[in-house]
Amino acid sequence: MKNMTNLLGRVLMIVIFLWGGLGKIQGYSGFEQYMQHLGLAVWLTPFVIALELGGGLAVLLGFYTRVASLMLAAFCVATAVLVHYHPQDEMQMINFMKNLSMTGGFLILAAYGAGSLSLDERLKLKLR
């Protein structure tokens, strides 16, 4: 039960990143414009996509889960602060809190690992 719950939790945590990464590829130029609108460097665009897709897949598969979780936790905090922190806008503040909540989930995953239903376990990858 514990291992299946861990796997299901990982799946649910990364859906937003896989979906978002694929969407950013499909609308690449639009995402670049959005990055510019936010005052962020356009050259970061492929790195954002790579982090969402690569980090998402790593967590899903349980491959270097602790490292990927820490990277996605940092990404969630950065996105919360740089994109969603607008106290006057209730919807943006909901997204801000959502990102902080996801950060908490990734920190727990970084602390406890992916469990036995993971490539980490299968390959005996122990990063502590």
N, C-alpha and C. Protein backbone atom coordinates (compact mmCIF):
# COMPACT_ATOMS: atom_id res chain seq x y z
N MET A 1 0.83 -1.20 0.00
CA MET A 1 0.00 0.00 0.00
C MET A 1 0.87 1.26 0.00
N LYS A 2 1.89 1.29 0.84
CA LYS A 2 2.76 2.45 0.96
C LYS A 2 3.47 2.75 -0.37
N ASN A 3 3.96 1.71 -1.03
CA ASN A 3 4.69 1.91 -2.28
C ASN A 3 3.77 2.35 -3.42
N MET A 4 2.57 1.79 -3.48
CA MET A 4 1.62 2.21 -4.50
C MET A 4 1.16 3.66 -4.26
N THR A 5 1.01 4.02 -3.00
CA THR A 5 0.63 5.39 -2.66
C THR A 5 1.74 6.35 -3.07
N ASN A 6 2.98 5.96 -2.82
CA ASN A 6 4.12 6.79 -3.22
C ASN A 6 4.13 6.96 -4.73
N LEU A 7 3.94 5.87 -5.47
CA LEU A 7 3.92 5.95 -6.94
C LEU A 7 2.78 6.84 -7.43
N LEU A 8 1.60 6.66 -6.89
CA LEU A 8 0.46 7.48 -7.28
C LEU A 8 0.71 8.95 -6.96
N GLY A 9 1.30 9.20 -5.81
CA GLY A 9 1.65 10.58 -5.45
C GLY A 9 2.62 11.19 -6.44
N ARG A 10 3.63 10.42 -6.85
CA ARG A 10 4.59 10.92 -7.84
C ARG A 10 3.91 11.22 -9.17
N VAL A 11 3.03 10.33 -9.59
CA VAL A 11 2.31 10.55 -10.85
C VAL A 11 1.51 11.84 -10.77
N LEU A 12 0.76 12.01 -9.69
CA LEU A 12 -0.08 13.20 -9.57
C LEU A 12 0.74 14.48 -9.44
N MET A 13 1.92 14.39 -8.82
CA MET A 13 2.76 15.58 -8.65
C MET A 13 3.33 16.08 -9.97
N ILE A 14 3.58 15.18 -10.92
CA ILE A 14 4.30 15.61 -12.12
C ILE A 14 3.41 15.85 -13.33
N VAL A 15 2.15 15.49 -13.25
CA VAL A 15 1.27 15.70 -14.40
C VAL A 15 1.33 17.15 -14.88
N ILE A 16 1.30 18.08 -13.97
CA ILE A 16 1.31 19.50 -14.32
C ILE A 16 2.60 19.89 -15.05
N PHE A 17 3.72 19.24 -14.71
CA PHE A 17 4.99 19.58 -15.35
C PHE A 17 5.09 18.97 -16.74
N LEU A 18 4.65 17.73 -16.90
CA LEU A 18 4.68 17.11 -18.22
C LEU A 18 3.72 17.83 -19.17
N TRP A 19 2.53 18.12 -18.69
CA TRP A 19 1.54 18.84 -19.49
C TRP A 19 2.07 20.23 -19.87
N GLY A 20 2.61 20.92 -18.87
CA GLY A 20 3.13 22.26 -19.12
C GLY A 20 4.32 22.28 -20.06
N GLY A 21 5.24 21.34 -19.89
CA GLY A 21 6.40 21.27 -20.76
C GLY A 21 6.02 21.00 -22.20
N LEU A 22 5.10 20.06 -22.41
CA LEU A 22 4.64 19.76 -23.77
C LEU A 22 3.91 20.96 -24.37
N GLY A 23 3.11 21.63 -23.56
CA GLY A 23 2.41 22.82 -24.04
C GLY A 23 3.37 23.94 -24.43
N LYS A 24 4.45 24.07 -23.68
CA LYS A 24 5.44 25.11 -23.99
C LYS A 24 6.17 24.80 -25.28
N ILE A 25 6.39 23.51 -25.57
CA ILE A 25 7.00 23.14 -26.85
C ILE A 25 6.05 23.47 -28.00
N GLN A 26 4.79 23.12 -27.83
CA GLN A 26 3.81 23.37 -28.88
C GLN A 26 3.61 24.87 -29.12
N GLY A 27 3.68 25.66 -28.10
CA GLY A 27 3.51 27.11 -28.22
C GLY A 27 4.79 27.84 -27.88
N TYR A 28 5.90 27.37 -28.43
CA TYR A 28 7.22 27.87 -28.04
C TYR A 28 7.33 29.39 -28.16
N SER A 29 6.96 29.93 -29.29
CA SER A 29 7.13 31.38 -29.48
C SER A 29 6.22 32.17 -28.53
N GLY A 30 5.04 31.64 -28.28
CA GLY A 30 4.15 32.29 -27.32
C GLY A 30 4.72 32.27 -25.92
N PHE A 31 5.37 31.17 -25.56
CA PHE A 31 5.99 31.09 -24.24
C PHE A 31 7.18 32.04 -24.15
N GLU A 32 7.94 32.16 -25.24
CA GLU A 32 9.04 33.14 -25.25
C GLU A 32 8.52 34.56 -25.02
N GLN A 33 7.40 34.88 -25.67
CA GLN A 33 6.80 36.21 -25.48
C GLN A 33 6.35 36.40 -24.03
N TYR A 34 5.80 35.34 -23.46
CA TYR A 34 5.38 35.41 -22.05
C TYR A 34 6.58 35.63 -21.13
N MET A 35 7.68 34.96 -21.43
CA MET A 35 8.91 35.15 -20.64
C MET A 35 9.36 36.61 -20.74
N GLN A 36 9.32 37.16 -21.94
CA GLN A 36 9.70 38.57 -22.12
C GLN A 36 8.76 39.48 -21.34
N HIS A 37 7.47 39.20 -21.41
CA HIS A 37 6.47 39.99 -20.69
C HIS A 37 6.76 39.99 -19.18
N LEU A 38 7.24 38.87 -18.68
CA LEU A 38 7.57 38.77 -17.25
C LEU A 38 8.91 39.42 -16.90
N GLY A 39 9.65 39.83 -17.93
CA GLY A 39 10.96 40.42 -17.70
C GLY A 39 12.04 39.38 -17.51
N LEU A 40 11.78 38.15 -17.94
CA LEU A 40 12.75 37.08 -17.81
C LEU A 40 13.49 36.88 -19.13
N ALA A 41 14.69 36.38 -19.05
CA ALA A 41 15.50 36.17 -20.25
C ALA A 41 14.91 35.06 -21.12
N VAL A 42 14.77 35.36 -22.40
CA VAL A 42 14.19 34.41 -23.35
C VAL A 42 15.06 33.16 -23.47
N TRP A 43 16.37 33.31 -23.29
CA TRP A 43 17.26 32.15 -23.42
C TRP A 43 16.99 31.09 -22.35
N LEU A 44 16.22 31.44 -21.32
CA LEU A 44 15.85 30.46 -20.29
C LEU A 44 14.77 29.49 -20.76
N THR A 45 14.09 29.82 -21.85
CA THR A 45 12.95 29.03 -22.32
C THR A 45 13.27 27.54 -22.45
N PRO A 46 14.32 27.14 -23.17
CA PRO A 46 14.57 25.70 -23.29
C PRO A 46 14.93 25.04 -21.96
N PHE A 47 15.54 25.80 -21.06
CA PHE A 47 15.88 25.24 -19.75
C PHE A 47 14.63 25.00 -18.90
N VAL A 48 13.67 25.90 -18.98
CA VAL A 48 12.40 25.72 -18.28
C VAL A 48 11.71 24.46 -18.79
N ILE A 49 11.65 24.33 -20.11
CA ILE A 49 11.01 23.16 -20.71
C ILE A 49 11.74 21.88 -20.31
N ALA A 50 13.06 21.90 -20.39
CA ALA A 50 13.85 20.72 -20.04
C ALA A 50 13.66 20.34 -18.57
N LEU A 51 13.57 21.33 -17.70
CA LEU A 51 13.37 21.05 -16.28
C LEU A 51 11.99 20.44 -16.04
N GLU A 52 10.98 21.03 -16.67
CA GLU A 52 9.63 20.49 -16.49
C GLU A 52 9.52 19.06 -17.01
N LEU A 53 10.00 18.83 -18.23
CA LEU A 53 9.90 17.49 -18.81
C LEU A 53 10.88 16.50 -18.19
N GLY A 54 12.14 16.91 -18.10
CA GLY A 54 13.17 16.01 -17.55
C GLY A 54 12.95 15.73 -16.08
N GLY A 55 12.70 16.78 -15.31
CA GLY A 55 12.45 16.61 -13.89
C GLY A 55 11.17 15.83 -13.65
N GLY A 56 10.14 16.13 -14.44
CA GLY A 56 8.88 15.41 -14.31
C GLY A 56 9.04 13.92 -14.60
N LEU A 57 9.76 13.60 -15.68
CA LEU A 57 9.98 12.19 -16.01
C LEU A 57 10.83 11.49 -14.96
N ALA A 58 11.84 12.20 -14.45
CA ALA A 58 12.69 11.61 -13.42
C ALA A 58 11.88 11.26 -12.17
N VAL A 59 11.03 12.17 -11.74
CA VAL A 59 10.19 11.90 -10.57
C VAL A 59 9.20 10.78 -10.88
N LEU A 60 8.59 10.82 -12.04
CA LEU A 60 7.64 9.78 -12.42
C LEU A 60 8.28 8.39 -12.37
N LEU A 61 9.46 8.28 -12.95
CA LEU A 61 10.15 6.99 -13.00
C LEU A 61 10.90 6.66 -11.71
N GLY A 62 11.03 7.64 -10.85
CA GLY A 62 11.79 7.43 -9.63
C GLY A 62 13.27 7.29 -9.93
N PHE A 63 13.79 8.14 -10.80
CA PHE A 63 15.18 8.10 -11.24
C PHE A 63 15.89 9.35 -10.73
N TYR A 64 16.85 9.17 -9.83
CA TYR A 64 17.48 10.29 -9.14
C TYR A 64 16.39 11.21 -8.57
N THR A 65 15.47 10.59 -7.90
CA THR A 65 14.28 11.26 -7.39
C THR A 65 14.60 12.40 -6.45
N ARG A 66 15.53 12.20 -5.57
CA ARG A 66 15.84 13.25 -4.58
C ARG A 66 16.39 14.50 -5.26
N VAL A 67 17.28 14.32 -6.22
CA VAL A 67 17.86 15.46 -6.94
C VAL A 67 16.78 16.16 -7.76
N ALA A 68 16.01 15.37 -8.52
CA ALA A 68 14.95 15.94 -9.35
C ALA A 68 13.92 16.67 -8.50
N SER A 69 13.59 16.11 -7.34
CA SER A 69 12.61 16.74 -6.45
C SER A 69 13.12 18.07 -5.91
N LEU A 70 14.39 18.12 -5.56
CA LEU A 70 14.96 19.39 -5.08
C LEU A 70 14.98 20.44 -6.19
N MET A 71 15.29 20.01 -7.42
CA MET A 71 15.29 20.95 -8.54
C MET A 71 13.88 21.46 -8.81
N LEU A 72 12.90 20.58 -8.78
CA LEU A 72 11.52 21.00 -9.02
C LEU A 72 10.99 21.84 -7.85
N ALA A 73 11.43 21.56 -6.64
CA ALA A 73 11.04 22.40 -5.50
C ALA A 73 11.56 23.81 -5.69
N ALA A 74 12.83 23.94 -6.09
CA ALA A 74 13.40 25.27 -6.35
C ALA A 74 12.66 25.97 -7.49
N PHE A 75 12.32 25.22 -8.53
CA PHE A 75 11.57 25.78 -9.65
C PHE A 75 10.21 26.28 -9.20
N CYS A 76 9.54 25.52 -8.34
CA CYS A 76 8.22 25.93 -7.84
C CYS A 76 8.31 27.22 -7.04
N VAL A 77 9.33 27.35 -6.21
CA VAL A 77 9.49 28.59 -5.43
C VAL A 77 9.80 29.76 -6.36
N ALA A 78 10.71 29.55 -7.31
CA ALA A 78 11.06 30.62 -8.24
C ALA A 78 9.84 31.06 -9.04
N THR A 79 9.06 30.10 -9.52
CA THR A 79 7.85 30.43 -10.29
C THR A 79 6.83 31.14 -9.41
N ALA A 80 6.69 30.69 -8.18
CA ALA A 80 5.75 31.34 -7.26
C ALA A 80 6.11 32.81 -7.10
N VAL A 81 7.38 33.08 -6.84
CA VAL A 81 7.81 34.45 -6.56
C VAL A 81 7.85 35.31 -7.82
N LEU A 82 8.43 34.79 -8.90
CA LEU A 82 8.64 35.59 -10.11
C LEU A 82 7.38 35.75 -10.97
N VAL A 83 6.49 34.76 -10.90
CA VAL A 83 5.34 34.78 -11.80
C VAL A 83 4.03 35.05 -11.07
N HIS A 84 3.83 34.43 -9.92
CA HIS A 84 2.50 34.43 -9.31
C HIS A 84 2.31 35.36 -8.12
N TYR A 85 3.37 35.96 -7.60
CA TYR A 85 3.19 36.79 -6.42
C TYR A 85 2.65 38.16 -6.80
N HIS A 86 1.33 38.26 -6.76
CA HIS A 86 0.61 39.52 -7.03
C HIS A 86 -0.52 39.60 -6.00
N PRO A 87 -0.23 40.15 -4.82
CA PRO A 87 -1.22 40.15 -3.73
C PRO A 87 -2.57 40.76 -4.10
N GLN A 88 -2.60 41.65 -5.08
CA GLN A 88 -3.85 42.28 -5.47
C GLN A 88 -4.71 41.37 -6.37
N ASP A 89 -4.15 40.27 -6.86
CA ASP A 89 -4.84 39.38 -7.79
C ASP A 89 -5.08 38.03 -7.11
N GLU A 90 -6.33 37.77 -6.74
CA GLU A 90 -6.66 36.56 -5.99
C GLU A 90 -6.27 35.28 -6.74
N MET A 91 -6.51 35.24 -8.04
CA MET A 91 -6.17 34.02 -8.80
C MET A 91 -4.66 33.78 -8.83
N GLN A 92 -3.89 34.84 -8.98
CA GLN A 92 -2.44 34.67 -8.96
C GLN A 92 -1.95 34.22 -7.58
N MET A 93 -2.59 34.71 -6.54
CA MET A 93 -2.20 34.30 -5.19
C MET A 93 -2.58 32.84 -4.92
N ILE A 94 -3.67 32.37 -5.53
CA ILE A 94 -4.00 30.95 -5.43
C ILE A 94 -2.90 30.13 -6.11
N ASN A 95 -2.46 30.59 -7.28
CA ASN A 95 -1.35 29.90 -7.96
C ASN A 95 -0.06 29.98 -7.15
N PHE A 96 0.16 31.11 -6.50
CA PHE A 96 1.33 31.26 -5.63
C PHE A 96 1.30 30.19 -4.53
N MET A 97 0.15 30.07 -3.86
CA MET A 97 0.01 29.08 -2.78
C MET A 97 0.11 27.65 -3.32
N LYS A 98 -0.44 27.41 -4.52
CA LYS A 98 -0.34 26.09 -5.16
C LYS A 98 1.12 25.72 -5.34
N ASN A 99 1.92 26.67 -5.82
CA ASN A 99 3.33 26.40 -6.02
C ASN A 99 4.06 26.13 -4.70
N LEU A 100 3.69 26.85 -3.67
CA LEU A 100 4.30 26.57 -2.36
C LEU A 100 3.90 25.18 -1.86
N SER A 101 2.65 24.79 -2.09
CA SER A 101 2.20 23.46 -1.69
C SER A 101 2.96 22.38 -2.45
N MET A 102 3.16 22.58 -3.75
CA MET A 102 3.92 21.60 -4.54
C MET A 102 5.36 21.54 -4.05
N THR A 103 5.90 22.68 -3.66
CA THR A 103 7.26 22.69 -3.10
C THR A 103 7.33 21.78 -1.88
N GLY A 104 6.34 21.87 -1.00
CA GLY A 104 6.30 21.01 0.18
C GLY A 104 6.28 19.54 -0.20
N GLY A 105 5.49 19.17 -1.18
CA GLY A 105 5.45 17.78 -1.64
C GLY A 105 6.79 17.33 -2.17
N PHE A 106 7.45 18.17 -2.95
CA PHE A 106 8.76 17.80 -3.49
C PHE A 106 9.81 17.69 -2.40
N LEU A 107 9.73 18.54 -1.38
CA LEU A 107 10.69 18.43 -0.27
C LEU A 107 10.49 17.13 0.51
N ILE A 108 9.24 16.72 0.70
CA ILE A 108 8.98 15.43 1.35
C ILE A 108 9.53 14.30 0.49
N LEU A 109 9.30 14.36 -0.81
CA LEU A 109 9.81 13.33 -1.71
C LEU A 109 11.34 13.31 -1.70
N ALA A 110 11.96 14.47 -1.64
CA ALA A 110 13.42 14.54 -1.56
C ALA A 110 13.92 13.92 -0.27
N ALA A 111 13.19 14.09 0.81
CA ALA A 111 13.61 13.56 2.11
C ALA A 111 13.45 12.04 2.19
N TYR A 112 12.35 11.51 1.64
CA TYR A 112 12.03 10.09 1.82
C TYR A 112 12.28 9.23 0.60
N GLY A 113 12.50 9.83 -0.55
CA GLY A 113 12.77 9.07 -1.76
C GLY A 113 11.52 8.52 -2.42
N ALA A 114 11.75 7.76 -3.49
CA ALA A 114 10.66 7.29 -4.35
C ALA A 114 10.10 5.94 -3.93
N GLY A 115 10.70 5.29 -2.98
CA GLY A 115 10.19 4.00 -2.55
C GLY A 115 10.62 2.86 -3.46
N SER A 116 10.03 1.71 -3.25
CA SER A 116 10.50 0.51 -3.95
C SER A 116 10.04 0.43 -5.40
N LEU A 117 8.99 1.14 -5.77
CA LEU A 117 8.51 1.13 -7.15
C LEU A 117 9.17 2.27 -7.92
N SER A 118 10.48 2.16 -8.08
CA SER A 118 11.25 3.23 -8.70
C SER A 118 12.53 2.68 -9.31
N LEU A 119 13.06 3.43 -10.25
CA LEU A 119 14.37 3.07 -10.81
C LEU A 119 15.46 3.26 -9.77
N ASP A 120 15.29 4.22 -8.88
CA ASP A 120 16.27 4.40 -7.80
C ASP A 120 16.46 3.09 -7.05
N GLU A 121 15.37 2.45 -6.69
CA GLU A 121 15.43 1.20 -5.94
C GLU A 121 15.97 0.07 -6.81
N ARG A 122 15.47 -0.01 -8.02
CA ARG A 122 15.87 -1.09 -8.93
C ARG A 122 17.36 -1.02 -9.25
N LEU A 123 17.88 0.20 -9.45
CA LEU A 123 19.30 0.39 -9.78
C LEU A 123 20.16 0.62 -8.55
N LYS A 124 19.53 0.62 -7.39
CA LYS A 124 20.21 0.86 -6.10
C LYS A 124 20.91 2.20 -6.08
N LEU A 125 20.21 3.23 -6.57
CA LEU A 125 20.73 4.59 -6.57
C LEU A 125 20.39 5.23 -5.24
N LYS A 126 21.36 5.42 -4.41
CA LYS A 126 21.13 5.99 -3.08
C LYS A 126 21.87 7.32 -2.97
N LEU A 127 21.13 8.39 -3.09
CA LEU A 127 21.71 9.72 -2.93
C LEU A 127 21.20 10.29 -1.62
N ARG A 128 22.00 10.28 -0.63
CA ARG A 128 21.60 10.77 0.67
C ARG A 128 22.47 11.92 1.08
